[in-house]
């Protein structure tokens, strides 16, 4: 791990702890969504993404599923639209989210934006939220 990745992990770990602390301190009876990150879908062009892109709309609900047995990335998190796999959270930004999922945190995702004319690597952006309450 290089210095930049180490500092990034420390910052993101502290941010996640701060978000969790803030959520507990201001907890209300209703469910609360705490925005964590906005990411492009990795591998979108290799799964069902291109076929489903016409059906996707902003704010559509997505499902995140942890895939710790992935041989290429221990922190892999799959993204599904209904039961169709769209791809993964990018490897460069999935560690904190994967660890939160491993600790039993309820995370949810939805479509943030869609750019049909963009390169497949940056066509669909996903927003990830921590659900509290």
Protein backbone atom coordinates (compact mmCIF):
# COMPACT_ATOMS: atom_id res chain seq x y z
CA UNK A 1 0.00 0.00 0.00
CA UNK A 2 1.47 3.33 -0.99
CA UNK A 3 1.35 6.48 1.13
CA UNK A 4 -1.58 8.00 -0.79
CA UNK A 5 -3.73 4.87 -0.34
CA UNK A 6 -2.83 4.72 3.36
CA UNK A 7 -3.83 8.35 3.94
CA UNK A 8 -7.00 7.85 1.89
CA UNK A 9 -7.97 4.83 4.02
CA UNK A 10 -7.36 6.73 7.25
CA UNK A 11 -9.47 9.64 6.01
CA UNK A 12 -12.32 7.40 4.80
CA UNK A 13 -12.25 5.33 8.01
CA UNK A 14 -12.49 8.49 10.07
CA UNK A 15 -15.29 9.80 7.86
CA UNK A 16 -17.23 6.55 8.20
CA UNK A 17 -16.81 6.63 11.99
CA UNK A 18 -17.92 10.25 12.08
CA UNK A 19 -20.97 9.45 9.96
CA UNK A 20 -21.88 6.53 12.23
CA UNK A 21 -21.40 8.64 15.37
CA UNK A 22 -23.48 11.48 13.92
CA UNK A 23 -26.24 9.05 12.92
CA UNK A 24 -26.44 7.55 16.42
CA UNK A 25 -26.35 10.95 18.14
CA UNK A 26 -29.20 12.35 16.05
CA UNK A 27 -31.21 9.15 15.73
CA UNK A 28 -34.92 9.54 15.22
CA UNK A 29 -37.73 7.02 15.05
CA UNK A 30 -37.86 7.14 11.25
CA UNK A 31 -35.26 5.70 8.92
CA UNK A 32 -32.51 8.01 7.84
CA UNK A 33 -30.32 7.84 4.76
CA UNK A 34 -26.77 9.07 5.14
CA UNK A 35 -25.02 9.68 1.84
CA UNK A 36 -21.63 7.91 1.61
CA UNK A 37 -20.36 8.04 -1.94
CA UNK A 38 -21.18 8.34 -5.63
CA UNK A 39 -19.40 5.90 -7.95
CA UNK A 40 -19.44 4.65 -11.52
CA UNK A 41 -20.26 0.98 -12.05
CA UNK A 42 -17.16 -1.09 -12.78
CA UNK A 43 -17.63 -3.80 -15.40
CA UNK A 44 -20.96 -2.37 -16.57
CA UNK A 45 -20.27 -3.34 -20.18
CA UNK A 46 -19.46 -6.96 -19.26
CA UNK A 47 -22.70 -7.80 -17.46
CA UNK A 48 -26.34 -6.91 -18.13
CA UNK A 49 -25.77 -3.16 -17.97
CA UNK A 50 -25.94 -2.29 -21.68
CA UNK A 51 -29.20 -4.23 -22.15
CA UNK A 52 -30.79 -2.71 -19.04
CA UNK A 53 -29.54 0.85 -19.53
CA UNK A 54 -32.74 1.85 -21.38
CA UNK A 55 -34.85 0.70 -18.42
CA UNK A 56 -32.81 2.47 -15.74
CA UNK A 57 -33.98 5.79 -14.34
CA UNK A 58 -32.50 8.15 -11.77
CA UNK A 59 -33.32 7.11 -8.18
CA UNK A 60 -34.12 3.50 -9.16
CA UNK A 61 -33.30 1.23 -6.23
CA UNK A 62 -30.30 -1.06 -6.54
CA UNK A 63 -29.09 -3.91 -4.38
CA UNK A 64 -25.54 -4.23 -3.11
CA UNK A 65 -24.22 -7.70 -2.41
CA UNK A 66 -20.88 -8.53 -0.82
CA UNK A 67 -18.71 -11.02 -2.72
CA UNK A 68 -15.76 -11.75 -0.41
CA UNK A 69 -14.93 -14.96 -2.28
CA UNK A 70 -14.07 -13.00 -5.46
CA UNK A 71 -10.58 -14.18 -6.47
CA UNK A 72 -9.64 -10.79 -7.97
CA UNK A 73 -10.85 -8.50 -5.19
CA UNK A 74 -11.47 -9.51 -1.57
CA UNK A 75 -13.55 -6.34 -1.04
CA UNK A 76 -15.79 -6.90 -4.08
CA UNK A 77 -19.35 -5.53 -3.88
CA UNK A 78 -21.77 -6.48 -6.66
CA UNK A 79 -24.51 -4.14 -7.89
CA UNK A 80 -27.90 -5.51 -8.98
CA UNK A 81 -30.95 -3.93 -10.59
CA UNK A 82 -33.82 -6.20 -9.53
CA UNK A 83 -32.16 -9.60 -10.09
CA UNK A 84 -29.88 -8.50 -12.95
CA UNK A 85 -26.19 -7.89 -12.27
CA UNK A 86 -24.93 -4.52 -13.49
CA UNK A 87 -21.34 -4.82 -12.29
CA UNK A 88 -19.31 -3.89 -9.20
CA UNK A 89 -18.37 -0.94 -7.06
CA UNK A 90 -14.93 0.15 -8.31
CA UNK A 91 -12.04 -1.60 -6.60
CA UNK A 92 -10.43 1.76 -5.84
CA UNK A 93 -13.37 2.83 -3.66
CA UNK A 94 -15.01 -0.33 -2.29
CA UNK A 95 -13.03 -1.15 0.87
CA UNK A 96 -14.93 1.00 3.37
CA UNK A 97 -18.32 0.02 1.97
CA UNK A 98 -17.34 -3.68 1.98
CA UNK A 99 -16.16 -3.44 5.60
CA UNK A 100 -19.37 -1.69 6.62
CA UNK A 101 -21.38 -4.48 4.98
CA UNK A 102 -19.23 -7.10 6.75
CA UNK A 103 -20.09 -5.43 10.07
CA UNK A 104 -23.81 -5.72 9.34
CA UNK A 105 -24.52 -2.10 8.40
CA UNK A 106 -27.56 -1.62 6.19
CA UNK A 107 -26.43 0.00 2.97
CA UNK A 108 -28.57 0.87 0.02
CA UNK A 109 -27.90 2.23 -3.42
CA UNK A 110 -29.77 3.96 -6.19
CA UNK A 111 -29.09 5.28 -9.65
CA UNK A 112 -27.53 8.72 -9.37
CA UNK A 113 -27.23 9.64 -13.04
CA UNK A 114 -27.27 8.08 -16.49
CA UNK A 115 -25.32 9.32 -19.50
CA UNK A 116 -26.22 6.99 -22.41
CA UNK A 117 -23.71 8.59 -24.78
CA UNK A 118 -20.81 8.36 -22.33
CA UNK A 119 -18.11 5.69 -22.36
CA UNK A 120 -19.36 2.45 -20.71
CA UNK A 121 -16.98 3.05 -17.80
CA UNK A 122 -18.74 6.31 -16.92
CA UNK A 123 -22.28 5.89 -18.19
CA UNK A 124 -24.11 5.11 -14.96
CA UNK A 125 -23.34 6.60 -11.56
CA UNK A 126 -24.55 4.95 -8.34
CA UNK A 127 -25.15 6.70 -5.03
CA UNK A 128 -24.52 4.65 -1.88
CA UNK A 129 -26.26 5.40 1.44
CA UNK A 130 -26.04 4.14 4.99
CA UNK A 131 -29.52 3.43 6.33
CA UNK A 132 -30.09 4.18 9.99
CA UNK A 133 -33.14 4.01 12.18
